[in-house]
Amino acid sequence: MSFYRYTATWSGPGGPGRSHLDVRDAGGGFILPVDLNDIGAAWRAYFATLAGYLPNEWSIALSAEVSQLSDAGVLEDLINITTAGSSVVGTYSGTWAGAVGVLTRFVTDDVVGGNRVRGKTFFVPAGSTVAFDTDGTVNSTALSDFLGARITLHNAVAANNAVPVVFSQTHNNKYDITGFNIADRSAVLRSRRD
């Protein structure tokens, strides 16, 4: 059974970076092109919703190609989508630190080698005064915005007969995401490969 990977490239001072959205067909087969397009539009909308937290020196470009990968992460095909659209440009104009942002943690129900499989994604950088309180924790407005954007994205994935997954390079397999949370403290990205 295959899964599909959407790629977003972050560009700005200290960049570039990449974010991935991995999904599989809810029925265990292949995702239809119309659904792949709708999921791509939802992922772009996720970033557009959060553009107020992204410094205006940064932009996020979604690839017009979705990678179809085997369960082991081997590229099987490239599928063109028409909904990638133009880059999402940040609108935040205040201070920010290049390696500091917001962390989303993904939870699965799977245990491999005695450990629960988990995943994470970063939104880095995030504007200092709009995302964080003075003690370095993520403020309540940002927590609500990031959580709401993630819920909307996951609902859109489900509405298009797909399930978001975490791909583990350690185990060369994908695992269904069953929950997620937004960390209530600033996240430090050590490298663009975190």
N, C-alpha and C. Protein backbone atom coordinates (compact mmCIF):
# COMPACT_ATOMS: atom_id res chain seq x y z
N MET A 1 0.84 -1.18 0.00
CA MET A 1 0.00 0.00 0.00
C MET A 1 0.89 1.24 0.00
N SER A 2 0.56 2.19 -0.81
CA SER A 2 1.36 3.40 -0.95
C SER A 2 0.89 4.48 0.01
N PHE A 3 1.75 5.48 0.18
CA PHE A 3 1.32 6.72 0.81
C PHE A 3 1.83 7.87 -0.02
N TYR A 4 1.35 9.06 0.27
CA TYR A 4 1.61 10.23 -0.56
C TYR A 4 2.26 11.32 0.29
N ARG A 5 3.25 11.99 -0.29
CA ARG A 5 3.97 13.04 0.42
C ARG A 5 3.86 14.36 -0.32
N TYR A 6 3.34 15.36 0.40
CA TYR A 6 3.32 16.74 -0.07
C TYR A 6 4.54 17.43 0.54
N THR A 7 5.18 18.29 -0.25
CA THR A 7 6.39 18.98 0.22
C THR A 7 6.19 20.49 0.13
N ALA A 8 6.57 21.17 1.21
CA ALA A 8 6.57 22.63 1.24
C ALA A 8 8.00 23.08 1.52
N THR A 9 8.47 24.04 0.74
CA THR A 9 9.82 24.57 0.91
C THR A 9 9.74 25.95 1.52
N TRP A 10 10.44 26.12 2.65
CA TRP A 10 10.50 27.40 3.36
C TRP A 10 11.71 28.17 2.85
N SER A 11 11.54 29.43 2.51
CA SER A 11 12.65 30.27 2.03
C SER A 11 12.71 31.55 2.85
N GLY A 12 13.93 31.90 3.27
CA GLY A 12 14.13 33.11 4.04
C GLY A 12 15.52 33.11 4.64
N PRO A 13 15.87 34.13 5.43
CA PRO A 13 17.19 34.18 6.05
C PRO A 13 17.44 32.95 6.92
N GLY A 14 18.51 32.25 6.65
CA GLY A 14 18.81 31.03 7.39
C GLY A 14 18.21 29.79 6.79
N GLY A 15 17.41 29.93 5.73
CA GLY A 15 16.75 28.80 5.08
C GLY A 15 17.66 28.15 4.07
N PRO A 16 17.20 27.28 3.26
CA PRO A 16 15.81 26.84 3.15
C PRO A 16 15.50 25.71 4.12
N GLY A 17 14.23 25.39 4.21
CA GLY A 17 13.78 24.27 5.02
C GLY A 17 12.65 23.56 4.30
N ARG A 18 12.25 22.41 4.80
CA ARG A 18 11.18 21.65 4.18
C ARG A 18 10.21 21.12 5.25
N SER A 19 8.95 21.10 4.88
CA SER A 19 7.92 20.44 5.68
C SER A 19 7.24 19.42 4.78
N HIS A 20 6.78 18.32 5.39
CA HIS A 20 6.09 17.29 4.64
C HIS A 20 4.75 17.00 5.28
N LEU A 21 3.79 16.69 4.44
CA LEU A 21 2.50 16.16 4.87
C LEU A 21 2.37 14.80 4.20
N ASP A 22 2.30 13.73 5.01
CA ASP A 22 2.17 12.38 4.50
C ASP A 22 0.77 11.87 4.78
N VAL A 23 0.14 11.28 3.76
CA VAL A 23 -1.22 10.74 3.90
C VAL A 23 -1.32 9.41 3.16
N ARG A 24 -2.27 8.59 3.57
CA ARG A 24 -2.57 7.35 2.87
C ARG A 24 -4.06 7.30 2.58
N ASP A 25 -4.45 6.43 1.66
CA ASP A 25 -5.85 6.24 1.34
C ASP A 25 -6.55 5.56 2.52
N ALA A 26 -7.72 6.06 2.90
CA ALA A 26 -8.44 5.50 4.05
C ALA A 26 -8.89 4.07 3.80
N GLY A 27 -9.08 3.70 2.54
CA GLY A 27 -9.54 2.35 2.22
C GLY A 27 -8.42 1.38 1.91
N GLY A 28 -7.18 1.85 1.96
CA GLY A 28 -6.05 0.96 1.71
C GLY A 28 -5.63 0.88 0.26
N GLY A 29 -6.20 1.69 -0.61
CA GLY A 29 -5.83 1.66 -2.02
C GLY A 29 -5.08 2.92 -2.42
N PHE A 30 -5.55 3.55 -3.49
CA PHE A 30 -4.91 4.75 -4.01
C PHE A 30 -5.84 5.95 -3.85
N ILE A 31 -5.26 7.11 -3.62
CA ILE A 31 -6.04 8.34 -3.50
C ILE A 31 -6.30 8.88 -4.90
N LEU A 32 -7.54 9.25 -5.17
CA LEU A 32 -7.92 9.79 -6.48
C LEU A 32 -7.27 11.15 -6.70
N PRO A 33 -6.97 11.50 -7.96
CA PRO A 33 -6.35 12.82 -8.25
C PRO A 33 -7.16 13.99 -7.72
N VAL A 34 -8.49 13.92 -7.79
CA VAL A 34 -9.31 15.04 -7.30
C VAL A 34 -9.10 15.21 -5.79
N ASP A 35 -8.97 14.10 -5.06
CA ASP A 35 -8.74 14.18 -3.62
C ASP A 35 -7.34 14.68 -3.31
N LEU A 36 -6.35 14.26 -4.11
CA LEU A 36 -4.98 14.77 -3.93
C LEU A 36 -4.96 16.28 -4.11
N ASN A 37 -5.69 16.79 -5.10
CA ASN A 37 -5.78 18.24 -5.32
C ASN A 37 -6.42 18.94 -4.13
N ASP A 38 -7.51 18.38 -3.62
CA ASP A 38 -8.21 19.00 -2.49
C ASP A 38 -7.33 19.02 -1.23
N ILE A 39 -6.59 17.94 -0.99
CA ILE A 39 -5.68 17.90 0.16
C ILE A 39 -4.57 18.93 -0.01
N GLY A 40 -4.06 19.08 -1.24
CA GLY A 40 -3.04 20.10 -1.51
C GLY A 40 -3.57 21.50 -1.23
N ALA A 41 -4.80 21.76 -1.62
CA ALA A 41 -5.41 23.07 -1.35
C ALA A 41 -5.57 23.29 0.16
N ALA A 42 -5.93 22.23 0.88
CA ALA A 42 -6.09 22.35 2.34
C ALA A 42 -4.75 22.60 3.02
N TRP A 43 -3.70 21.99 2.50
CA TRP A 43 -2.38 22.21 3.12
C TRP A 43 -1.91 23.64 2.88
N ARG A 44 -2.16 24.16 1.67
CA ARG A 44 -1.81 25.56 1.41
C ARG A 44 -2.63 26.48 2.32
N ALA A 45 -3.91 26.15 2.50
CA ALA A 45 -4.78 26.95 3.38
C ALA A 45 -4.28 26.93 4.82
N TYR A 46 -3.74 25.80 5.26
CA TYR A 46 -3.16 25.69 6.60
C TYR A 46 -2.06 26.75 6.77
N PHE A 47 -1.13 26.81 5.82
CA PHE A 47 -0.05 27.79 5.91
C PHE A 47 -0.57 29.22 5.77
N ALA A 48 -1.54 29.43 4.87
CA ALA A 48 -2.10 30.78 4.69
C ALA A 48 -2.78 31.27 5.97
N THR A 49 -3.45 30.35 6.68
CA THR A 49 -4.10 30.70 7.94
C THR A 49 -3.09 31.19 8.97
N LEU A 50 -1.88 30.64 8.92
CA LEU A 50 -0.85 30.96 9.92
C LEU A 50 0.17 31.99 9.42
N ALA A 51 -0.09 32.62 8.28
CA ALA A 51 0.87 33.58 7.70
C ALA A 51 1.16 34.75 8.62
N GLY A 52 0.25 35.10 9.50
CA GLY A 52 0.47 36.19 10.45
C GLY A 52 1.54 35.88 11.48
N TYR A 53 1.92 34.63 11.61
CA TYR A 53 2.99 34.23 12.53
C TYR A 53 4.34 34.11 11.81
N LEU A 54 4.31 34.09 10.50
CA LEU A 54 5.53 33.91 9.70
C LEU A 54 6.13 35.29 9.38
N PRO A 55 7.42 35.50 9.71
CA PRO A 55 8.04 36.79 9.39
C PRO A 55 7.94 37.11 7.89
N ASN A 56 7.79 38.40 7.59
CA ASN A 56 7.58 38.80 6.20
C ASN A 56 8.80 38.61 5.31
N GLU A 57 9.94 38.22 5.86
CA GLU A 57 11.11 37.89 5.05
C GLU A 57 11.06 36.44 4.57
N TRP A 58 10.07 35.70 5.00
CA TRP A 58 9.95 34.27 4.70
C TRP A 58 8.75 33.98 3.81
N SER A 59 8.87 32.92 3.04
CA SER A 59 7.75 32.43 2.23
C SER A 59 7.77 30.90 2.23
N ILE A 60 6.61 30.32 1.96
CA ILE A 60 6.46 28.87 1.91
C ILE A 60 5.85 28.51 0.56
N ALA A 61 6.58 27.72 -0.23
CA ALA A 61 6.10 27.31 -1.55
C ALA A 61 5.75 25.82 -1.52
N LEU A 62 4.54 25.50 -1.93
CA LEU A 62 4.12 24.11 -2.00
C LEU A 62 4.44 23.54 -3.38
N SER A 63 4.99 22.35 -3.39
CA SER A 63 5.35 21.70 -4.65
C SER A 63 4.09 21.33 -5.41
N ALA A 64 4.15 21.43 -6.72
CA ALA A 64 3.04 21.02 -7.59
C ALA A 64 3.10 19.52 -7.88
N GLU A 65 4.07 18.83 -7.29
CA GLU A 65 4.18 17.38 -7.43
C GLU A 65 3.99 16.72 -6.07
N VAL A 66 3.19 15.68 -6.03
CA VAL A 66 3.02 14.85 -4.84
C VAL A 66 3.77 13.55 -5.12
N SER A 67 4.60 13.13 -4.16
CA SER A 67 5.35 11.89 -4.31
C SER A 67 4.49 10.73 -3.81
N GLN A 68 4.37 9.70 -4.65
CA GLN A 68 3.74 8.45 -4.22
C GLN A 68 4.86 7.53 -3.79
N LEU A 69 4.82 7.09 -2.52
CA LEU A 69 5.90 6.30 -1.94
C LEU A 69 5.38 4.93 -1.50
N SER A 70 6.26 3.94 -1.55
CA SER A 70 5.91 2.61 -1.01
C SER A 70 5.90 2.69 0.51
N ASP A 71 5.39 1.64 1.15
CA ASP A 71 5.39 1.60 2.62
C ASP A 71 6.79 1.82 3.19
N ALA A 72 7.82 1.41 2.45
CA ALA A 72 9.20 1.55 2.90
C ALA A 72 9.79 2.92 2.54
N GLY A 73 8.99 3.79 1.93
CA GLY A 73 9.46 5.13 1.61
C GLY A 73 10.18 5.25 0.28
N VAL A 74 10.05 4.25 -0.58
CA VAL A 74 10.70 4.27 -1.89
C VAL A 74 9.78 4.96 -2.89
N LEU A 75 10.32 5.89 -3.66
CA LEU A 75 9.53 6.65 -4.63
C LEU A 75 8.98 5.72 -5.71
N GLU A 76 7.66 5.77 -5.90
CA GLU A 76 7.00 4.97 -6.92
C GLU A 76 6.53 5.81 -8.09
N ASP A 77 6.12 7.05 -7.81
CA ASP A 77 5.56 7.89 -8.86
C ASP A 77 5.53 9.34 -8.38
N LEU A 78 5.43 10.26 -9.33
CA LEU A 78 5.21 11.68 -9.06
C LEU A 78 3.90 12.07 -9.71
N ILE A 79 3.03 12.71 -8.95
CA ILE A 79 1.70 13.06 -9.43
C ILE A 79 1.56 14.58 -9.37
N ASN A 80 1.19 15.17 -10.50
CA ASN A 80 1.01 16.63 -10.55
C ASN A 80 -0.33 17.01 -9.95
N ILE A 81 -0.31 18.09 -9.16
CA ILE A 81 -1.55 18.66 -8.65
C ILE A 81 -1.63 20.11 -9.13
N THR A 82 -2.85 20.61 -9.18
CA THR A 82 -3.06 21.97 -9.70
C THR A 82 -3.36 22.98 -8.61
N THR A 83 -3.37 22.53 -7.35
CA THR A 83 -3.81 23.41 -6.27
C THR A 83 -2.68 23.96 -5.41
N ALA A 84 -1.42 23.73 -5.83
CA ALA A 84 -0.30 24.23 -5.02
C ALA A 84 -0.35 25.74 -4.90
N GLY A 85 -0.71 26.42 -5.99
CA GLY A 85 -0.88 27.87 -5.95
C GLY A 85 0.42 28.62 -5.72
N SER A 86 0.30 29.90 -5.48
CA SER A 86 1.47 30.74 -5.26
C SER A 86 1.99 30.53 -3.84
N SER A 87 3.20 31.00 -3.61
CA SER A 87 3.82 30.88 -2.30
C SER A 87 3.01 31.65 -1.25
N VAL A 88 3.03 31.14 -0.03
CA VAL A 88 2.44 31.84 1.11
C VAL A 88 3.55 32.71 1.69
N VAL A 89 3.33 34.00 1.73
CA VAL A 89 4.33 34.95 2.22
C VAL A 89 3.93 35.39 3.62
N GLY A 90 4.91 35.39 4.53
CA GLY A 90 4.65 35.82 5.89
C GLY A 90 4.22 37.27 5.96
N THR A 91 3.40 37.58 6.95
CA THR A 91 2.92 38.96 7.11
C THR A 91 3.36 39.59 8.43
N TYR A 92 4.09 38.84 9.25
CA TYR A 92 4.54 39.37 10.54
C TYR A 92 5.76 40.26 10.31
N SER A 93 5.75 41.47 10.90
CA SER A 93 6.84 42.42 10.65
C SER A 93 7.63 42.80 11.90
N GLY A 94 7.45 42.08 13.00
CA GLY A 94 8.18 42.39 14.23
C GLY A 94 9.45 41.56 14.38
N THR A 95 9.90 41.43 15.62
CA THR A 95 11.13 40.69 15.90
C THR A 95 10.88 39.18 15.89
N TRP A 96 11.94 38.45 15.57
CA TRP A 96 11.85 36.99 15.57
C TRP A 96 13.26 36.41 15.65
N ALA A 97 13.36 35.20 16.17
CA ALA A 97 14.63 34.48 16.23
C ALA A 97 14.57 33.35 15.21
N GLY A 98 15.63 33.19 14.45
CA GLY A 98 15.63 32.27 13.31
C GLY A 98 15.36 30.82 13.63
N ALA A 99 15.65 30.36 14.83
CA ALA A 99 15.51 28.93 15.14
C ALA A 99 14.37 28.65 16.11
N VAL A 100 13.52 29.63 16.39
CA VAL A 100 12.49 29.48 17.41
C VAL A 100 11.10 29.55 16.78
N GLY A 101 10.26 28.61 17.19
CA GLY A 101 8.91 28.58 16.65
C GLY A 101 7.99 27.70 17.45
N VAL A 102 7.03 27.10 16.75
CA VAL A 102 5.97 26.31 17.38
C VAL A 102 6.11 24.85 16.93
N LEU A 103 5.96 23.93 17.89
CA LEU A 103 6.09 22.50 17.64
C LEU A 103 4.73 21.82 17.73
N THR A 104 4.42 21.01 16.71
CA THR A 104 3.25 20.14 16.75
C THR A 104 3.74 18.71 16.87
N ARG A 105 3.23 18.00 17.88
CA ARG A 105 3.60 16.59 18.08
C ARG A 105 2.47 15.70 17.60
N PHE A 106 2.83 14.61 16.89
CA PHE A 106 1.85 13.65 16.40
C PHE A 106 1.94 12.37 17.23
N VAL A 107 0.80 11.78 17.51
CA VAL A 107 0.72 10.55 18.28
C VAL A 107 0.13 9.46 17.39
N THR A 108 0.64 8.24 17.52
CA THR A 108 0.06 7.08 16.86
C THR A 108 -0.31 6.06 17.93
N ASP A 109 -1.06 5.05 17.55
CA ASP A 109 -1.40 3.96 18.46
C ASP A 109 -0.41 2.81 18.35
N ASP A 110 0.64 2.97 17.55
CA ASP A 110 1.57 1.88 17.27
C ASP A 110 2.77 1.89 18.19
N VAL A 111 3.18 0.70 18.59
CA VAL A 111 4.37 0.50 19.41
C VAL A 111 5.31 -0.41 18.62
N VAL A 112 6.55 0.05 18.43
CA VAL A 112 7.56 -0.73 17.71
C VAL A 112 8.82 -0.77 18.57
N GLY A 113 9.34 -1.97 18.81
CA GLY A 113 10.55 -2.11 19.61
C GLY A 113 10.41 -1.56 21.01
N GLY A 114 9.20 -1.65 21.58
CA GLY A 114 8.98 -1.17 22.94
C GLY A 114 8.76 0.33 23.06
N ASN A 115 8.68 1.03 21.93
CA ASN A 115 8.47 2.47 21.95
C ASN A 115 7.27 2.86 21.11
N ARG A 116 6.50 3.82 21.61
CA ARG A 116 5.38 4.34 20.81
C ARG A 116 5.94 5.17 19.66
N VAL A 117 5.39 4.96 18.48
CA VAL A 117 5.80 5.73 17.31
C VAL A 117 5.16 7.12 17.41
N ARG A 118 5.98 8.14 17.26
CA ARG A 118 5.51 9.52 17.33
C ARG A 118 6.11 10.30 16.15
N GLY A 119 5.59 11.46 15.93
CA GLY A 119 6.12 12.34 14.90
C GLY A 119 6.04 13.78 15.37
N LYS A 120 6.60 14.67 14.58
CA LYS A 120 6.52 16.09 14.93
C LYS A 120 6.77 16.93 13.69
N THR A 121 6.31 18.14 13.77
CA THR A 121 6.60 19.12 12.72
C THR A 121 6.77 20.48 13.39
N PHE A 122 7.58 21.30 12.77
CA PHE A 122 7.89 22.62 13.32
C PHE A 122 7.33 23.72 12.42
N PHE A 123 6.93 24.82 13.04
CA PHE A 123 6.62 26.06 12.33
C PHE A 123 7.67 27.06 12.82
N VAL A 124 8.78 27.12 12.08
CA VAL A 124 9.94 27.91 12.49
C VAL A 124 10.47 28.68 11.28
N PRO A 125 10.64 30.00 11.40
CA PRO A 125 10.50 30.82 12.61
C PRO A 125 9.06 31.31 12.79
N ALA A 126 8.77 31.71 14.02
CA ALA A 126 7.49 32.33 14.35
C ALA A 126 7.78 33.67 15.01
N GLY A 127 6.95 34.64 14.71
CA GLY A 127 7.14 35.99 15.26
C GLY A 127 7.11 36.02 16.77
N SER A 128 8.07 36.69 17.36
CA SER A 128 8.23 36.70 18.82
C SER A 128 7.04 37.29 19.55
N THR A 129 6.58 38.46 19.13
CA THR A 129 5.55 39.14 19.91
C THR A 129 4.14 38.61 19.64
N VAL A 130 3.92 37.92 18.52
CA VAL A 130 2.58 37.39 18.26
C VAL A 130 2.42 35.95 18.72
N ALA A 131 3.51 35.19 18.81
CA ALA A 131 3.41 33.77 19.15
C ALA A 131 3.73 33.45 20.61
N PHE A 132 4.54 34.29 21.26
CA PHE A 132 5.06 33.90 22.58
C PHE A 132 4.75 34.92 23.67
N ASP A 133 4.58 34.39 24.88
CA ASP A 133 4.50 35.24 26.06
C ASP A 133 5.93 35.61 26.46
N THR A 134 6.07 36.53 27.41
CA THR A 134 7.40 36.99 27.82
C THR A 134 8.23 35.90 28.48
N ASP A 135 7.59 34.84 28.98
CA ASP A 135 8.34 33.74 29.60
C ASP A 135 8.76 32.66 28.60
N GLY A 136 8.50 32.88 27.32
CA GLY A 136 8.93 31.94 26.28
C GLY A 136 7.91 30.87 25.93
N THR A 137 6.77 30.85 26.62
CA THR A 137 5.74 29.88 26.27
C THR A 137 4.90 30.42 25.12
N VAL A 138 4.27 29.51 24.41
CA VAL A 138 3.38 29.91 23.32
C VAL A 138 2.13 30.51 23.95
N ASN A 139 1.73 31.69 23.45
CA ASN A 139 0.57 32.35 24.07
C ASN A 139 -0.74 31.66 23.68
N SER A 140 -1.79 31.95 24.41
CA SER A 140 -3.06 31.24 24.23
C SER A 140 -3.68 31.48 22.85
N THR A 141 -3.51 32.68 22.30
CA THR A 141 -4.04 32.96 20.97
C THR A 141 -3.33 32.11 19.92
N ALA A 142 -2.01 32.04 20.01
CA ALA A 142 -1.24 31.23 19.05
C ALA A 142 -1.58 29.75 19.21
N LEU A 143 -1.68 29.27 20.45
CA LEU A 143 -2.07 27.87 20.66
C LEU A 143 -3.40 27.56 19.99
N SER A 144 -4.36 28.45 20.17
CA SER A 144 -5.68 28.27 19.57
C SER A 144 -5.61 28.30 18.05
N ASP A 145 -4.84 29.25 17.50
CA ASP A 145 -4.73 29.37 16.04
C ASP A 145 -4.05 28.16 15.42
N PHE A 146 -2.95 27.70 16.02
CA PHE A 146 -2.23 26.55 15.48
C PHE A 146 -3.06 25.27 15.62
N LEU A 147 -3.74 25.12 16.75
CA LEU A 147 -4.59 23.95 16.95
C LEU A 147 -5.75 23.96 15.96
N GLY A 148 -6.39 25.11 15.80
CA GLY A 148 -7.50 25.23 14.86
C GLY A 148 -7.09 24.95 13.42
N ALA A 149 -5.93 25.46 13.03
CA ALA A 149 -5.44 25.22 11.66
C ALA A 149 -5.15 23.74 11.45
N ARG A 150 -4.57 23.09 12.45
CA ARG A 150 -4.25 21.65 12.34
C ARG A 150 -5.52 20.82 12.29
N ILE A 151 -6.52 21.15 13.12
CA ILE A 151 -7.79 20.42 13.09
C ILE A 151 -8.45 20.57 11.73
N THR A 152 -8.47 21.78 11.19
CA THR A 152 -9.06 22.01 9.87
C THR A 152 -8.35 21.19 8.80
N LEU A 153 -7.01 21.15 8.86
CA LEU A 153 -6.25 20.37 7.89
C LEU A 153 -6.58 18.88 8.02
N HIS A 154 -6.58 18.34 9.23
CA HIS A 154 -6.88 16.92 9.42
C HIS A 154 -8.30 16.58 8.99
N ASN A 155 -9.25 17.48 9.24
CA ASN A 155 -10.63 17.26 8.79
C ASN A 155 -10.71 17.24 7.27
N ALA A 156 -9.95 18.11 6.61
CA ALA A 156 -9.94 18.14 5.13
C ALA A 156 -9.33 16.86 4.57
N VAL A 157 -8.27 16.37 5.22
CA VAL A 157 -7.66 15.11 4.79
C VAL A 157 -8.70 13.99 4.89
N ALA A 158 -9.41 13.90 6.02
CA ALA A 158 -10.42 12.87 6.22
C ALA A 158 -11.57 13.00 5.23
N ALA A 159 -11.97 14.24 4.93
CA ALA A 159 -13.06 14.47 3.99
C ALA A 159 -12.71 14.01 2.58
N ASN A 160 -11.42 13.85 2.31
CA ASN A 160 -10.97 13.40 0.99
C ASN A 160 -10.47 11.96 1.04
N ASN A 161 -11.09 11.18 1.93
CA ASN A 161 -10.86 9.73 2.00
C ASN A 161 -9.40 9.38 2.26
N ALA A 162 -8.75 10.15 3.12
CA ALA A 162 -7.34 9.90 3.41
C ALA A 162 -7.11 9.98 4.92
N VAL A 163 -5.96 9.47 5.33
CA VAL A 163 -5.57 9.45 6.73
C VAL A 163 -4.16 10.02 6.83
N PRO A 164 -3.91 11.00 7.71
CA PRO A 164 -2.54 11.50 7.88
C PRO A 164 -1.68 10.43 8.56
N VAL A 165 -0.43 10.33 8.12
CA VAL A 165 0.48 9.32 8.68
C VAL A 165 1.82 9.94 9.05
N VAL A 166 2.54 9.23 9.93
CA VAL A 166 3.93 9.53 10.26
C VAL A 166 4.75 8.46 9.56
N PHE A 167 5.80 8.86 8.85
CA PHE A 167 6.72 7.89 8.26
C PHE A 167 7.96 7.83 9.12
N SER A 168 8.31 6.62 9.55
CA SER A 168 9.50 6.40 10.36
C SER A 168 10.63 5.89 9.49
N GLN A 169 11.69 6.69 9.36
CA GLN A 169 12.85 6.23 8.60
C GLN A 169 13.57 5.11 9.34
N THR A 170 13.46 5.11 10.66
CA THR A 170 14.09 4.05 11.46
C THR A 170 13.48 2.69 11.15
N HIS A 171 12.16 2.66 11.04
CA HIS A 171 11.45 1.39 10.83
C HIS A 171 10.98 1.20 9.39
N ASN A 172 11.25 2.18 8.51
CA ASN A 172 10.83 2.11 7.12
C ASN A 172 9.36 1.71 6.99
N ASN A 173 8.51 2.45 7.69
CA ASN A 173 7.09 2.16 7.63
C ASN A 173 6.31 3.42 7.99
N LYS A 174 5.02 3.40 7.66
CA LYS A 174 4.13 4.52 7.98
C LYS A 174 3.17 4.10 9.06
N TYR A 175 2.72 5.10 9.86
CA TYR A 175 1.83 4.83 10.99
C TYR A 175 0.76 5.92 11.02
N ASP A 176 -0.48 5.51 11.22
CA ASP A 176 -1.59 6.46 11.24
C ASP A 176 -1.48 7.41 12.43
N ILE A 177 -1.68 8.70 12.17
CA ILE A 177 -1.72 9.69 13.23
C ILE A 177 -3.10 9.61 13.88
N THR A 178 -3.14 9.39 15.20
CA THR A 178 -4.40 9.28 15.92
C THR A 178 -4.67 10.49 16.82
N GLY A 179 -3.69 11.37 16.95
CA GLY A 179 -3.86 12.57 17.76
C GLY A 179 -2.68 13.50 17.59
N PHE A 180 -2.83 14.70 18.08
CA PHE A 180 -1.74 15.68 17.99
C PHE A 180 -1.95 16.73 19.07
N ASN A 181 -0.87 17.43 19.39
CA ASN A 181 -0.96 18.55 20.32
C ASN A 181 0.07 19.60 19.94
N ILE A 182 -0.20 20.80 20.37
CA ILE A 182 0.71 21.92 20.14
C ILE A 182 1.46 22.14 21.44
N ALA A 183 2.79 22.08 21.38
CA ALA A 183 3.60 22.25 22.59
C ALA A 183 3.40 23.66 23.14
N ASP A 184 3.24 23.77 24.45
CA ASP A 184 3.01 25.07 25.10
C ASP A 184 4.32 25.74 25.51
N ARG A 185 5.34 25.55 24.72
CA ARG A 185 6.60 26.27 24.95
C ARG A 185 7.27 26.43 23.60
N SER A 186 8.14 27.38 23.52
CA SER A 186 8.81 27.62 22.24
C SER A 186 9.66 26.41 21.87
N ALA A 187 9.71 26.12 20.59
CA ALA A 187 10.50 25.01 20.09
C ALA A 187 11.73 25.56 19.40
N VAL A 188 12.87 24.92 19.61
CA VAL A 188 14.11 25.33 18.97
C VAL A 188 14.44 24.30 17.91
N LEU A 189 14.54 24.74 16.68
CA LEU A 189 14.90 23.86 15.57
C LEU A 189 16.42 23.85 15.45
N ARG A 190 17.03 22.69 15.69
CA ARG A 190 18.48 22.58 15.68
C ARG A 190 19.05 22.56 14.28
N SER A 191 18.30 22.03 13.33
CA SER A 191 18.70 22.02 11.93
C SER A 191 17.44 22.00 11.08
N ARG A 192 17.55 22.30 9.83
CA ARG A 192 16.39 22.29 8.95
C ARG A 192 15.96 20.86 8.64
N ARG A 193 16.65 19.87 9.17
CA ARG A 193 16.29 18.47 8.98
C ARG A 193 15.56 17.89 10.19
N ASP A 194 15.33 18.69 11.25
CA ASP A 194 14.61 18.20 12.44
C ASP A 194 13.20 17.82 12.09
